[in-house]
Amino acid sequence: MPVDVVVVAASKEDAWALRLLAMVSAVNVLLDTGIAREIPVVGRIGPFLVYGVIDQIERKMVIPSVSATASAHSSVPYFEYILSDTKTRVSKSLPRKTQSTQNILQCAIYARLFNQLSGNHPDIPIDFAQFFFSSLSYLDKTRRLSPQVLTHARSLLCCTESGSYESLSATLLDLDDPPMTLATLLPLTLAWFKFIPRLSSTIEIEYRYQREPDTVLATVKETIDETWVTQRLERGVLFWQGKIHQSEMETFDVTEVPSRCGPCAYRLNCDWLQEQQRLHEQKVGLIPTSADSDMTKSGKCHP
């Protein structure tokens, strides 16, 4: 059973070391029990370093369906690691397409970040450590970590319930010789993730009723479309870099107003929603584009 441990960070380097050690702790729990919650991950999206927390990963046995043409090897049961998330709903209804798509994308991004750490996704930089420290240039990767963080690291890296990591831990019995720094801790963290294979391409999203937490409205299973995820992320990166304007981003169907807009007192007079309505109508051809309007005014669209 995981035990909460309070460790005070004495520096920025300590704070990031604790994040990395939290990742190691989560992997330990996943390997020892087959299920882990609140799993921190860090990885690359375009030129950006991204940090997030996965709701849950569970190891599940998969029993292939038996068919007359199936080989003996293909019918052998195997384990998959499945990423899942729980969303609460204020009403007893499932989210509309716009919100559900955002939920799927969020889980798909987390799965990609995890697979980067385990070396099971091509997005991982050639030198992850170099990318990590260049993205966090304010960190001194050679600064010695505090004694309290060192003690916490020793408890995680050298002592596990299953004892299955003894070969890796054998070289870590004295983590203070040479002194433990972020430069030495990061490779150890990445090595820990190597124990986990690529996550399943299927993700699960469970929707629960907020007023009755035990009431499960539905459990939705989706297969990650890596091409779709990549396209969404590439578009998002261009927006974050300021290379495209918000108006150039994909607009949503205004028949599916975001659920967070529902209780807003300014919804009926919201300039942003009105602009989305205009863009949507322009997209489906209900109103002419600016170019079409200019042609109409000049008479060029008439014979």
C-alpha atoms as a PDB file:
ATOM      1  CA  MET A   1       0.000   0.000   0.000  1.00  0.00           C
ATOM      2  CA  PRO A   2       1.554   3.350  -1.028  1.00  0.00           C
ATOM      3  CA  VAL A   3       2.521   5.603   1.870  1.00  0.00           C
ATOM      4  CA  ASP A   4       2.532   9.397   1.635  1.00  0.00           C
ATOM      5  CA  VAL A   5       5.986  10.807   2.280  1.00  0.00           C
ATOM      6  CA  VAL A   6       6.522  14.517   2.926  1.00  0.00           C
ATOM      7  CA  VAL A   7       9.834  15.823   1.591  1.00  0.00           C
ATOM      8  CA  VAL A   8      10.642  19.543   1.605  1.00  0.00           C
ATOM      9  CA  ALA A   9      12.385  20.893  -1.502  1.00  0.00           C
ATOM     10  CA  ALA A  10      15.284  23.176  -0.663  1.00  0.00           C
ATOM     11  CA  SER A  11      15.888  24.344  -4.235  1.00  0.00           C
ATOM     12  CA  LYS A  12      14.453  24.367  -7.772  1.00  0.00           C
ATOM     13  CA  GLU A  13      16.606  21.325  -8.460  1.00  0.00           C
ATOM     14  CA  ASP A  14      15.103  19.539  -5.450  1.00  0.00           C
ATOM     15  CA  ALA A  15      11.594  20.328  -6.709  1.00  0.00           C
ATOM     16  CA  TRP A  16      12.272  18.719 -10.071  1.00  0.00           C
ATOM     17  CA  ALA A  17      14.055  15.795  -8.412  1.00  0.00           C
ATOM     18  CA  LEU A  18      10.898  15.133  -6.393  1.00  0.00           C
ATOM     19  CA  ARG A  19       8.846  15.158  -9.596  1.00  0.00           C
ATOM     20  CA  LEU A  20      11.175  12.573 -11.131  1.00  0.00           C
ATOM     21  CA  LEU A  21      11.082  10.458  -7.975  1.00  0.00           C
ATOM     22  CA  ALA A  22       7.265  10.619  -7.987  1.00  0.00           C
ATOM     23  CA  MET A  23       7.436   9.135 -11.487  1.00  0.00           C
ATOM     24  CA  VAL A  24       9.691   6.330 -10.206  1.00  0.00           C
ATOM     25  CA  SER A  25       7.324   5.693  -7.298  1.00  0.00           C
ATOM     26  CA  ALA A  26       4.342   5.405  -9.651  1.00  0.00           C
ATOM     27  CA  VAL A  27       6.177   2.902 -11.853  1.00  0.00           C
ATOM     28  CA  ASN A  28       7.096   0.869  -8.759  1.00  0.00           C
ATOM     29  CA  VAL A  29       3.432   0.726  -7.711  1.00  0.00           C
ATOM     30  CA  LEU A  30       2.334  -0.210 -11.245  1.00  0.00           C
ATOM     31  CA  LEU A  31       4.854  -3.057 -11.454  1.00  0.00           C
ATOM     32  CA  ASP A  32       4.155  -4.349  -7.943  1.00  0.00           C
ATOM     33  CA  THR A  33       0.337  -4.112  -7.889  1.00  0.00           C
ATOM     34  CA  GLY A  34      -0.718  -3.887 -11.554  1.00  0.00           C
ATOM     35  CA  ILE A  35      -2.462  -0.555 -11.091  1.00  0.00           C
ATOM     36  CA  ALA A  36      -1.291   2.993 -10.335  1.00  0.00           C
ATOM     37  CA  ARG A  37      -3.014   6.351 -10.057  1.00  0.00           C
ATOM     38  CA  GLU A  38      -1.764   9.930 -10.377  1.00  0.00           C
ATOM     39  CA  ILE A  39       1.272   9.065 -12.520  1.00  0.00           C
ATOM     40  CA  PRO A  40       3.428  12.092 -13.380  1.00  0.00           C
ATOM     41  CA  VAL A  41       4.926  12.183 -16.881  1.00  0.00           C
ATOM     42  CA  VAL A  42       7.145  14.588 -18.756  1.00  0.00           C
ATOM     43  CA  GLY A  43       7.907  14.628 -22.460  1.00  0.00           C
ATOM     44  CA  ARG A  44       8.143  16.498 -25.714  1.00  0.00           C
ATOM     45  CA  ILE A  45       5.408  18.065 -27.835  1.00  0.00           C
ATOM     46  CA  GLY A  46       7.063  19.785 -30.766  1.00  0.00           C
ATOM     47  CA  PRO A  47       9.776  22.034 -29.296  1.00  0.00           C
ATOM     48  CA  PHE A  48       8.096  22.177 -25.884  1.00  0.00           C
ATOM     49  CA  LEU A  49       8.721  20.194 -22.706  1.00  0.00           C
ATOM     50  CA  VAL A  50       5.341  19.198 -21.225  1.00  0.00           C
ATOM     51  CA  TYR A  51       4.532  17.916 -17.729  1.00  0.00           C
ATOM     52  CA  GLY A  52       1.265  16.253 -16.759  1.00  0.00           C
ATOM     53  CA  VAL A  53      -0.354  13.669 -14.491  1.00  0.00           C
ATOM     54  CA  ILE A  54      -2.072  10.519 -15.793  1.00  0.00           C
ATOM     55  CA  ASP A  55      -5.207   9.549 -13.888  1.00  0.00           C
ATOM     56  CA  GLN A  56      -4.654   5.781 -13.973  1.00  0.00           C
ATOM     57  CA  ILE A  57      -2.815   2.933 -15.719  1.00  0.00           C
ATOM     58  CA  GLU A  58      -3.821  -0.672 -15.134  1.00  0.00           C
ATOM     59  CA  ARG A  59      -2.267  -3.978 -16.210  1.00  0.00           C
ATOM     60  CA  LYS A  60      -4.960  -6.218 -17.647  1.00  0.00           C
ATOM     61  CA  MET A  61      -4.843  -9.720 -19.043  1.00  0.00           C
ATOM     62  CA  VAL A  62      -6.042 -10.055 -22.627  1.00  0.00           C
ATOM     63  CA  ILE A  63      -7.385 -13.416 -23.791  1.00  0.00           C
ATOM     64  CA  PRO A  64      -7.410 -13.515 -27.618  1.00  0.00           C
ATOM     65  CA  SER A  65     -10.540 -14.827 -29.270  1.00  0.00           C
ATOM     66  CA  VAL A  66     -10.089 -18.384 -30.480  1.00  0.00           C
ATOM     67  CA  SER A  67     -10.690 -19.053 -34.158  1.00  0.00           C
ATOM     68  CA  ALA A  68     -10.156 -22.054 -36.375  1.00  0.00           C
ATOM     69  CA  THR A  69      -7.329 -20.340 -38.242  1.00  0.00           C
ATOM     70  CA  ALA A  70      -5.576 -18.868 -35.179  1.00  0.00           C
ATOM     71  CA  SER A  71      -2.109 -20.161 -34.442  1.00  0.00           C
ATOM     72  CA  ALA A  72      -1.171 -21.495 -31.028  1.00  0.00           C
ATOM     73  CA  HIS A  73       1.048 -18.464 -30.428  1.00  0.00           C
ATOM     74  CA  SER A  74      -1.661 -15.928 -31.299  1.00  0.00           C
ATOM     75  CA  SER A  75      -4.111 -17.514 -28.840  1.00  0.00           C
ATOM     76  CA  VAL A  76      -1.817 -17.196 -25.814  1.00  0.00           C
ATOM     77  CA  PRO A  77      -3.110 -14.724 -23.164  1.00  0.00           C
ATOM     78  CA  TYR A  78      -0.983 -11.636 -22.612  1.00  0.00           C
ATOM     79  CA  PHE A  79      -0.922  -8.470 -20.540  1.00  0.00           C
ATOM     80  CA  GLU A  80      -1.608  -4.918 -21.691  1.00  0.00           C
ATOM     81  CA  TYR A  81      -1.117  -1.663 -19.836  1.00  0.00           C
ATOM     82  CA  ILE A  82      -4.253   0.456 -20.344  1.00  0.00           C
ATOM     83  CA  LEU A  83      -4.488   4.190 -19.644  1.00  0.00           C
ATOM     84  CA  SER A  84      -7.805   5.360 -18.248  1.00  0.00           C
ATOM     85  CA  ASP A  85      -9.376   8.538 -16.923  1.00  0.00           C
ATOM     86  CA  THR A  86     -12.430   9.350 -14.825  1.00  0.00           C
ATOM     87  CA  LYS A  87     -14.574  12.381 -15.627  1.00  0.00           C
ATOM     88  CA  THR A  88     -17.407  13.646 -13.425  1.00  0.00           C
ATOM     89  CA  ARG A  89     -20.599  15.054 -14.890  1.00  0.00           C
ATOM     90  CA  VAL A  90     -22.924  17.596 -13.265  1.00  0.00           C
ATOM     91  CA  SER A  91     -25.860  15.965 -15.066  1.00  0.00           C
ATOM     92  CA  LYS A  92     -26.768  12.362 -15.786  1.00  0.00           C
ATOM     93  CA  SER A  93     -25.720  12.624 -19.420  1.00  0.00           C
ATOM     94  CA  LEU A  94     -22.650  11.953 -21.514  1.00  0.00           C
ATOM     95  CA  PRO A  95     -20.680  14.896 -22.929  1.00  0.00           C
ATOM     96  CA  ARG A  96     -21.297  16.189 -26.413  1.00  0.00           C
ATOM     97  CA  LYS A  97     -18.865  15.477 -29.217  1.00  0.00           C
ATOM     98  CA  THR A  98     -16.753  18.603 -28.664  1.00  0.00           C
ATOM     99  CA  GLN A  99     -16.034  17.778 -25.008  1.00  0.00           C
ATOM    100  CA  SER A 100     -15.599  14.033 -25.565  1.00  0.00           C
ATOM    101  CA  THR A 101     -13.082  14.744 -28.330  1.00  0.00           C
ATOM    102  CA  GLN A 102     -11.074  16.928 -25.932  1.00  0.00           C
ATOM    103  CA  ASN A 103     -11.117  14.117 -23.352  1.00  0.00           C
ATOM    104  CA  ILE A 104      -9.842  11.605 -25.904  1.00  0.00           C
ATOM    105  CA  LEU A 105      -7.084  13.965 -27.039  1.00  0.00           C
ATOM    106  CA  GLN A 106      -5.974  14.571 -23.450  1.00  0.00           C
ATOM    107  CA  CYS A 107      -5.633  10.832 -22.771  1.00  0.00           C
ATOM    108  CA  ALA A 108      -3.880  10.271 -26.098  1.00  0.00           C
ATOM    109  CA  ILE A 109      -1.320  12.977 -25.270  1.00  0.00           C
ATOM    110  CA  TYR A 110      -0.645  11.431 -21.855  1.00  0.00           C
ATOM    111  CA  ALA A 111      -0.181   8.005 -23.476  1.00  0.00           C
ATOM    112  CA  ARG A 112       2.287   9.523 -25.945  1.00  0.00           C
ATOM    113  CA  LEU A 113       4.298  11.169 -23.154  1.00  0.00           C
ATOM    114  CA  PHE A 114       4.450   7.893 -21.206  1.00  0.00           C
ATOM    115  CA  ASN A 115       5.584   5.966 -24.283  1.00  0.00           C
ATOM    116  CA  GLN A 116       8.282   8.549 -24.878  1.00  0.00           C
ATOM    117  CA  LEU A 117       9.658   7.901 -21.393  1.00  0.00           C
ATOM    118  CA  SER A 118       9.668   4.137 -21.907  1.00  0.00           C
ATOM    119  CA  GLY A 119      11.334   4.534 -25.302  1.00  0.00           C
ATOM    120  CA  ASN A 120       8.291   3.179 -27.143  1.00  0.00           C
ATOM    121  CA  HIS A 121       7.383   6.209 -29.255  1.00  0.00           C
ATOM    122  CA  PRO A 122       9.356   7.812 -32.122  1.00  0.00           C
ATOM    123  CA  ASP A 123       8.681  11.312 -30.751  1.00  0.00           C
ATOM    124  CA  ILE A 124      11.311  10.854 -28.045  1.00  0.00           C
ATOM    125  CA  PRO A 125      14.305  13.122 -28.706  1.00  0.00           C
ATOM    126  CA  ILE A 126      17.607  11.441 -29.616  1.00  0.00           C
ATOM    127  CA  ASP A 127      19.100  12.806 -26.384  1.00  0.00           C
ATOM    128  CA  PHE A 128      16.251  13.212 -23.912  1.00  0.00           C
ATOM    129  CA  ALA A 129      18.526  14.530 -21.166  1.00  0.00           C
ATOM    130  CA  GLN A 130      19.883  17.264 -23.431  1.00  0.00           C
ATOM    131  CA  PHE A 131      16.358  18.255 -24.482  1.00  0.00           C
ATOM    132  CA  PHE A 132      15.174  18.200 -20.857  1.00  0.00           C
ATOM    133  CA  PHE A 133      17.913  20.448 -19.511  1.00  0.00           C
ATOM    134  CA  SER A 134      17.911  22.809 -22.483  1.00  0.00           C
ATOM    135  CA  SER A 135      14.162  23.299 -21.949  1.00  0.00           C
ATOM    136  CA  LEU A 136      14.730  23.980 -18.231  1.00  0.00           C
ATOM    137  CA  SER A 137      17.847  26.096 -18.594  1.00  0.00           C
ATOM    138  CA  TYR A 138      17.308  27.703 -15.167  1.00  0.00           C
ATOM    139  CA  LEU A 139      18.224  24.395 -13.490  1.00  0.00           C
ATOM    140  CA  ASP A 140      21.764  23.563 -12.416  1.00  0.00           C
ATOM    141  CA  LYS A 141      21.972  19.897 -13.336  1.00  0.00           C
ATOM    142  CA  THR A 142      25.255  19.510 -11.423  1.00  0.00           C
ATOM    143  CA  ARG A 143      23.933  20.907  -8.138  1.00  0.00           C
ATOM    144  CA  ARG A 144      23.957  18.384  -5.335  1.00  0.00           C
ATOM    145  CA  LEU A 145      20.498  17.415  -4.109  1.00  0.00           C
ATOM    146  CA  SER A 146      19.607  17.964  -0.465  1.00  0.00           C
ATOM    147  CA  PRO A 147      20.133  15.154   2.091  1.00  0.00           C
ATOM    148  CA  GLN A 148      16.365  14.789   2.569  1.00  0.00           C
ATOM    149  CA  VAL A 149      15.802  14.277  -1.165  1.00  0.00           C
ATOM    150  CA  LEU A 150      18.761  11.877  -1.282  1.00  0.00           C
ATOM    151  CA  THR A 151      17.256   9.780   1.510  1.00  0.00           C
ATOM    152  CA  HIS A 152      13.932   9.675  -0.328  1.00  0.00           C
ATOM    153  CA  ALA A 153      15.688   8.672  -3.566  1.00  0.00           C
ATOM    154  CA  ARG A 154      17.532   5.834  -1.832  1.00  0.00           C
ATOM    155  CA  SER A 155      14.266   4.458  -0.412  1.00  0.00           C
ATOM    156  CA  LEU A 156      12.668   4.388  -3.872  1.00  0.00           C
ATOM    157  CA  LEU A 157      15.572   3.287  -6.050  1.00  0.00           C
ATOM    158  CA  CYS A 158      17.013   0.602  -3.794  1.00  0.00           C
ATOM    159  CA  CYS A 159      14.006  -0.856  -2.011  1.00  0.00           C
ATOM    160  CA  THR A 160      10.983  -2.312  -3.802  1.00  0.00           C
ATOM    161  CA  GLU A 161       8.386  -4.855  -2.740  1.00  0.00           C
ATOM    162  CA  SER A 162       9.005  -7.298  -5.572  1.00  0.00           C
ATOM    163  CA  GLY A 163      12.793  -6.964  -5.613  1.00  0.00           C
ATOM    164  CA  SER A 164      12.656  -7.305  -9.407  1.00  0.00           C
ATOM    165  CA  TYR A 165      14.882  -4.293  -9.990  1.00  0.00           C
ATOM    166  CA  GLU A 166      17.883  -5.502  -8.007  1.00  0.00           C
ATOM    167  CA  SER A 167      20.131  -5.546 -11.070  1.00  0.00           C
ATOM    168  CA  LEU A 168      19.490  -1.840 -11.632  1.00  0.00           C
ATOM    169  CA  SER A 169      19.518  -0.977  -7.955  1.00  0.00           C
ATOM    170  CA  ALA A 170      22.802  -2.772  -7.258  1.00  0.00           C
ATOM    171  CA  THR A 171      24.794   0.203  -8.545  1.00  0.00           C
ATOM    172  CA  LEU A 172      22.770   2.650  -6.453  1.00  0.00           C
ATOM    173  CA  LEU A 173      23.556   1.458  -2.948  1.00  0.00           C
ATOM    174  CA  ASP A 174      25.573   4.605  -2.379  1.00  0.00           C
ATOM    175  CA  LEU A 175      23.697   7.367  -4.187  1.00  0.00           C
ATOM    176  CA  ASP A 176      25.979  10.003  -2.714  1.00  0.00           C
ATOM    177  CA  ASP A 177      29.154   8.733  -4.381  1.00  0.00           C
ATOM    178  CA  PRO A 178      29.358  10.448  -6.759  1.00  0.00           C
ATOM    179  CA  PRO A 179      26.913  13.095  -5.406  1.00  0.00           C
ATOM    180  CA  MET A 180      23.344  12.670  -6.644  1.00  0.00           C
ATOM    181  CA  THR A 181      22.283  15.463  -8.992  1.00  0.00           C
ATOM    182  CA  LEU A 182      19.559  15.922 -11.590  1.00  0.00           C
ATOM    183  CA  ALA A 183      22.100  14.880 -14.215  1.00  0.00           C
ATOM    184  CA  THR A 184      22.400  11.458 -12.559  1.00  0.00           C
ATOM    185  CA  LEU A 185      18.765  11.116 -11.459  1.00  0.00           C
ATOM    186  CA  LEU A 186      17.162  11.690 -14.875  1.00  0.00           C
ATOM    187  CA  PRO A 187      18.816   8.657 -16.573  1.00  0.00           C
ATOM    188  CA  LEU A 188      17.778   6.478 -13.623  1.00  0.00           C
ATOM    189  CA  THR A 189      14.182   7.677 -13.982  1.00  0.00           C
ATOM    190  CA  LEU A 190      14.172   6.837 -17.690  1.00  0.00           C
ATOM    191  CA  ALA A 191      15.668   3.420 -16.923  1.00  0.00           C
ATOM    192  CA  TRP A 192      12.763   2.713 -14.557  1.00  0.00           C
ATOM    193  CA  PHE A 193      10.231   3.340 -17.342  1.00  0.00           C
ATOM    194  CA  LYS A 194      11.968   0.715 -19.509  1.00  0.00           C
ATOM    195  CA  PHE A 195      10.276  -1.935 -17.355  1.00  0.00           C
ATOM    196  CA  ILE A 196       6.901  -0.970 -18.862  1.00  0.00           C
ATOM    197  CA  PRO A 197       6.091  -1.940 -22.476  1.00  0.00           C
ATOM    198  CA  ARG A 198       4.241   0.350 -24.864  1.00  0.00           C
ATOM    199  CA  LEU A 199       0.812   1.274 -23.532  1.00  0.00           C
ATOM    200  CA  SER A 200      -2.225  -0.199 -25.231  1.00  0.00           C
ATOM    201  CA  SER A 201      -3.602   1.812 -28.142  1.00  0.00           C
ATOM    202  CA  THR A 202      -6.997   1.557 -26.431  1.00  0.00           C
ATOM    203  CA  ILE A 203      -7.864   4.110 -23.771  1.00  0.00           C
ATOM    204  CA  GLU A 204     -10.810   4.052 -21.376  1.00  0.00           C
ATOM    205  CA  ILE A 205     -12.770   7.059 -20.134  1.00  0.00           C
ATOM    206  CA  GLU A 206     -15.253   6.535 -17.322  1.00  0.00           C
ATOM    207  CA  TYR A 207     -18.009   9.089 -16.776  1.00  0.00           C
ATOM    208  CA  ARG A 208     -19.524   9.383 -13.290  1.00  0.00           C
ATOM    209  CA  TYR A 209     -22.406  11.428 -11.910  1.00  0.00           C
ATOM    210  CA  GLN A 210     -21.015  14.147  -9.638  1.00  0.00           C
ATOM    211  CA  ARG A 211     -23.839  13.984  -7.079  1.00  0.00           C
ATOM    212  CA  GLU A 212     -23.631  10.190  -6.896  1.00  0.00           C
ATOM    213  CA  PRO A 213     -19.933   9.286  -7.255  1.00  0.00           C
ATOM    214  CA  ASP A 214     -20.718   5.558  -7.296  1.00  0.00           C
ATOM    215  CA  THR A 215     -22.996   5.982 -10.306  1.00  0.00           C
ATOM    216  CA  VAL A 216     -21.108   5.155 -13.521  1.00  0.00           C
ATOM    217  CA  LEU A 217     -22.860   6.695 -16.507  1.00  0.00           C
ATOM    218  CA  ALA A 218     -20.690   4.919 -19.070  1.00  0.00           C
ATOM    219  CA  THR A 219     -17.206   3.615 -19.767  1.00  0.00           C
ATOM    220  CA  VAL A 220     -16.093   4.646 -23.237  1.00  0.00           C
ATOM    221  CA  LYS A 221     -13.282   2.797 -25.006  1.00  0.00           C
ATOM    222  CA  GLU A 222     -11.435   4.524 -27.842  1.00  0.00           C
ATOM    223  CA  THR A 223      -8.555   3.462 -30.077  1.00  0.00           C
ATOM    224  CA  ILE A 224      -5.908   6.156 -30.398  1.00  0.00           C
ATOM    225  CA  ASP A 225      -5.478   7.461 -33.939  1.00  0.00           C
ATOM    226  CA  GLU A 226      -1.827   8.545 -33.866  1.00  0.00           C
ATOM    227  CA  THR A 227      -2.132  10.466 -37.141  1.00  0.00           C
ATOM    228  CA  TRP A 228      -5.082  12.475 -35.801  1.00  0.00           C
ATOM    229  CA  VAL A 229      -3.235  13.189 -32.539  1.00  0.00           C
ATOM    230  CA  THR A 230      -0.126  14.344 -34.413  1.00  0.00           C
ATOM    231  CA  GLN A 231      -2.156  16.682 -36.627  1.00  0.00           C
ATOM    232  CA  ARG A 232      -3.910  18.217 -33.613  1.00  0.00           C
ATOM    233  CA  LEU A 233      -0.625  18.718 -31.776  1.00  0.00           C
ATOM    234  CA  GLU A 234       1.135  20.236 -34.780  1.00  0.00           C
ATOM    235  CA  ARG A 235      -1.707  22.734 -35.112  1.00  0.00           C
ATOM    236  CA  GLY A 236      -1.567  23.483 -31.406  1.00  0.00           C
ATOM    237  CA  VAL A 237       2.194  24.038 -31.485  1.00  0.00           C
ATOM    238  CA  LEU A 238       1.816  26.595 -34.276  1.00  0.00           C
ATOM    239  CA  PHE A 239      -0.777  28.413 -32.170  1.00  0.00           C
ATOM    240  CA  TRP A 240       1.423  28.345 -29.036  1.00  0.00           C
ATOM    241  CA  GLN A 241       4.288  29.759 -31.106  1.00  0.00           C
ATOM    242  CA  GLY A 242       2.076  32.587 -32.368  1.00  0.00           C
ATOM    243  CA  LYS A 243       2.438  31.455 -35.986  1.00  0.00           C
ATOM    244  CA  ILE A 244      -1.312  31.168 -36.522  1.00  0.00           C
ATOM    245  CA  HIS A 245      -4.135  33.282 -35.102  1.00  0.00           C
ATOM    246  CA  GLN A 246      -6.957  31.938 -32.983  1.00  0.00           C
ATOM    247  CA  SER A 247      -9.359  32.549 -35.848  1.00  0.00           C
ATOM    248  CA  GLU A 248      -7.349  30.069 -37.949  1.00  0.00           C
ATOM    249  CA  MET A 249      -7.766  27.289 -35.400  1.00  0.00           C
ATOM    250  CA  GLU A 250     -10.437  24.694 -36.010  1.00  0.00           C
ATOM    251  CA  THR A 251     -13.797  26.107 -34.921  1.00  0.00           C
ATOM    252  CA  PHE A 252     -16.326  24.043 -33.023  1.00  0.00           C
ATOM    253  CA  ASP A 253     -19.903  23.338 -34.011  1.00  0.00           C
ATOM    254  CA  VAL A 254     -21.879  26.058 -32.225  1.00  0.00           C
ATOM    255  CA  THR A 255     -24.754  23.615 -31.806  1.00  0.00           C
ATOM    256  CA  GLU A 256     -22.454  22.092 -29.188  1.00  0.00           C
ATOM    257  CA  VAL A 257     -21.624  25.090 -27.002  1.00  0.00           C
ATOM    258  CA  PRO A 258     -18.938  24.120 -24.464  1.00  0.00           C
ATOM    259  CA  SER A 259     -20.533  22.852 -21.261  1.00  0.00           C
ATOM    260  CA  ARG A 260     -18.571  25.375 -19.179  1.00  0.00           C
ATOM    261  CA  CYS A 261     -20.483  28.160 -20.977  1.00  0.00           C
ATOM    262  CA  GLY A 262     -23.838  26.901 -19.683  1.00  0.00           C
ATOM    263  CA  PRO A 263     -23.942  28.675 -16.299  1.00  0.00           C
ATOM    264  CA  CYS A 264     -22.226  31.829 -17.581  1.00  0.00           C
ATOM    265  CA  ALA A 265     -24.374  34.933 -17.048  1.00  0.00           C
ATOM    266  CA  TYR A 266     -22.841  36.572 -20.156  1.00  0.00           C
ATOM    267  CA  ARG A 267     -23.456  33.684 -22.531  1.00  0.00           C
ATOM    268  CA  LEU A 268     -26.215  35.383 -24.546  1.00  0.00           C
ATOM    269  CA  ASN A 269     -24.066  38.469 -25.199  1.00  0.00           C
ATOM    270  CA  CYS A 270     -20.696  36.737 -25.465  1.00  0.00           C
ATOM    271  CA  ASP A 271     -18.535  38.255 -28.219  1.00  0.00           C
ATOM    272  CA  TRP A 272     -16.472  35.068 -28.474  1.00  0.00           C
ATOM    273  CA  LEU A 273     -19.512  32.811 -28.981  1.00  0.00           C
ATOM    274  CA  GLN A 274     -20.944  35.240 -31.543  1.00  0.00           C
ATOM    275  CA  GLU A 275     -17.637  35.166 -33.436  1.00  0.00           C
ATOM    276  CA  GLN A 276     -17.659  31.350 -33.347  1.00  0.00           C
ATOM    277  CA  GLN A 277     -21.225  31.417 -34.680  1.00  0.00           C
ATOM    278  CA  ARG A 278     -20.136  33.662 -37.552  1.00  0.00           C
ATOM    279  CA  LEU A 279     -17.116  31.477 -38.373  1.00  0.00           C
ATOM    280  CA  HIS A 280     -19.267  28.351 -38.291  1.00  0.00           C
ATOM    281  CA  GLU A 281     -21.886  29.827 -40.599  1.00  0.00           C
ATOM    282  CA  GLN A 282     -19.149  31.006 -42.929  1.00  0.00           C
ATOM    283  CA  LYS A 283     -17.597  27.538 -42.891  1.00  0.00           C
ATOM    284  CA  VAL A 284     -20.846  25.793 -43.848  1.00  0.00           C
ATOM    285  CA  GLY A 285     -21.680  28.433 -46.445  1.00  0.00           C
ATOM    286  CA  LEU A 286     -24.564  30.185 -44.705  1.00  0.00           C
ATOM    287  CA  ILE A 287     -22.818  33.535 -45.076  1.00  0.00           C
ATOM    288  CA  PRO A 288     -20.248  34.614 -47.709  1.00  0.00           C
ATOM    289  CA  THR A 289     -16.554  34.954 -46.926  1.00  0.00           C
ATOM    290  CA  SER A 290     -14.935  38.376 -47.124  1.00  0.00           C
ATOM    291  CA  ALA A 291     -13.537  37.480 -50.547  1.00  0.00           C
ATOM    292  CA  ASP A 292     -16.984  36.484 -51.800  1.00  0.00           C
ATOM    293  CA  SER A 293     -18.443  39.731 -50.439  1.00  0.00           C
ATOM    294  CA  ASP A 294     -15.837  41.803 -52.281  1.00  0.00           C
ATOM    295  CA  MET A 295     -16.577  39.965 -55.517  1.00  0.00           C
ATOM    296  CA  THR A 296     -20.288  40.567 -55.089  1.00  0.00           C
ATOM    297  CA  LYS A 297     -19.773  44.262 -54.458  1.00  0.00           C
ATOM    298  CA  SER A 298     -17.545  44.630 -57.526  1.00  0.00           C
ATOM    299  CA  GLY A 299     -19.926  42.647 -59.704  1.00  0.00           C
ATOM    300  CA  LYS A 300     -17.236  40.154 -60.673  1.00  0.00           C
ATOM    301  CA  CYS A 301     -19.355  37.176 -59.605  1.00  0.00           C
ATOM    302  CA  HIS A 302     -22.038  38.048 -62.202  1.00  0.00           C
ATOM    303  CA  PRO A 303     -21.760  37.238 -65.906  1.00  0.00           C
END
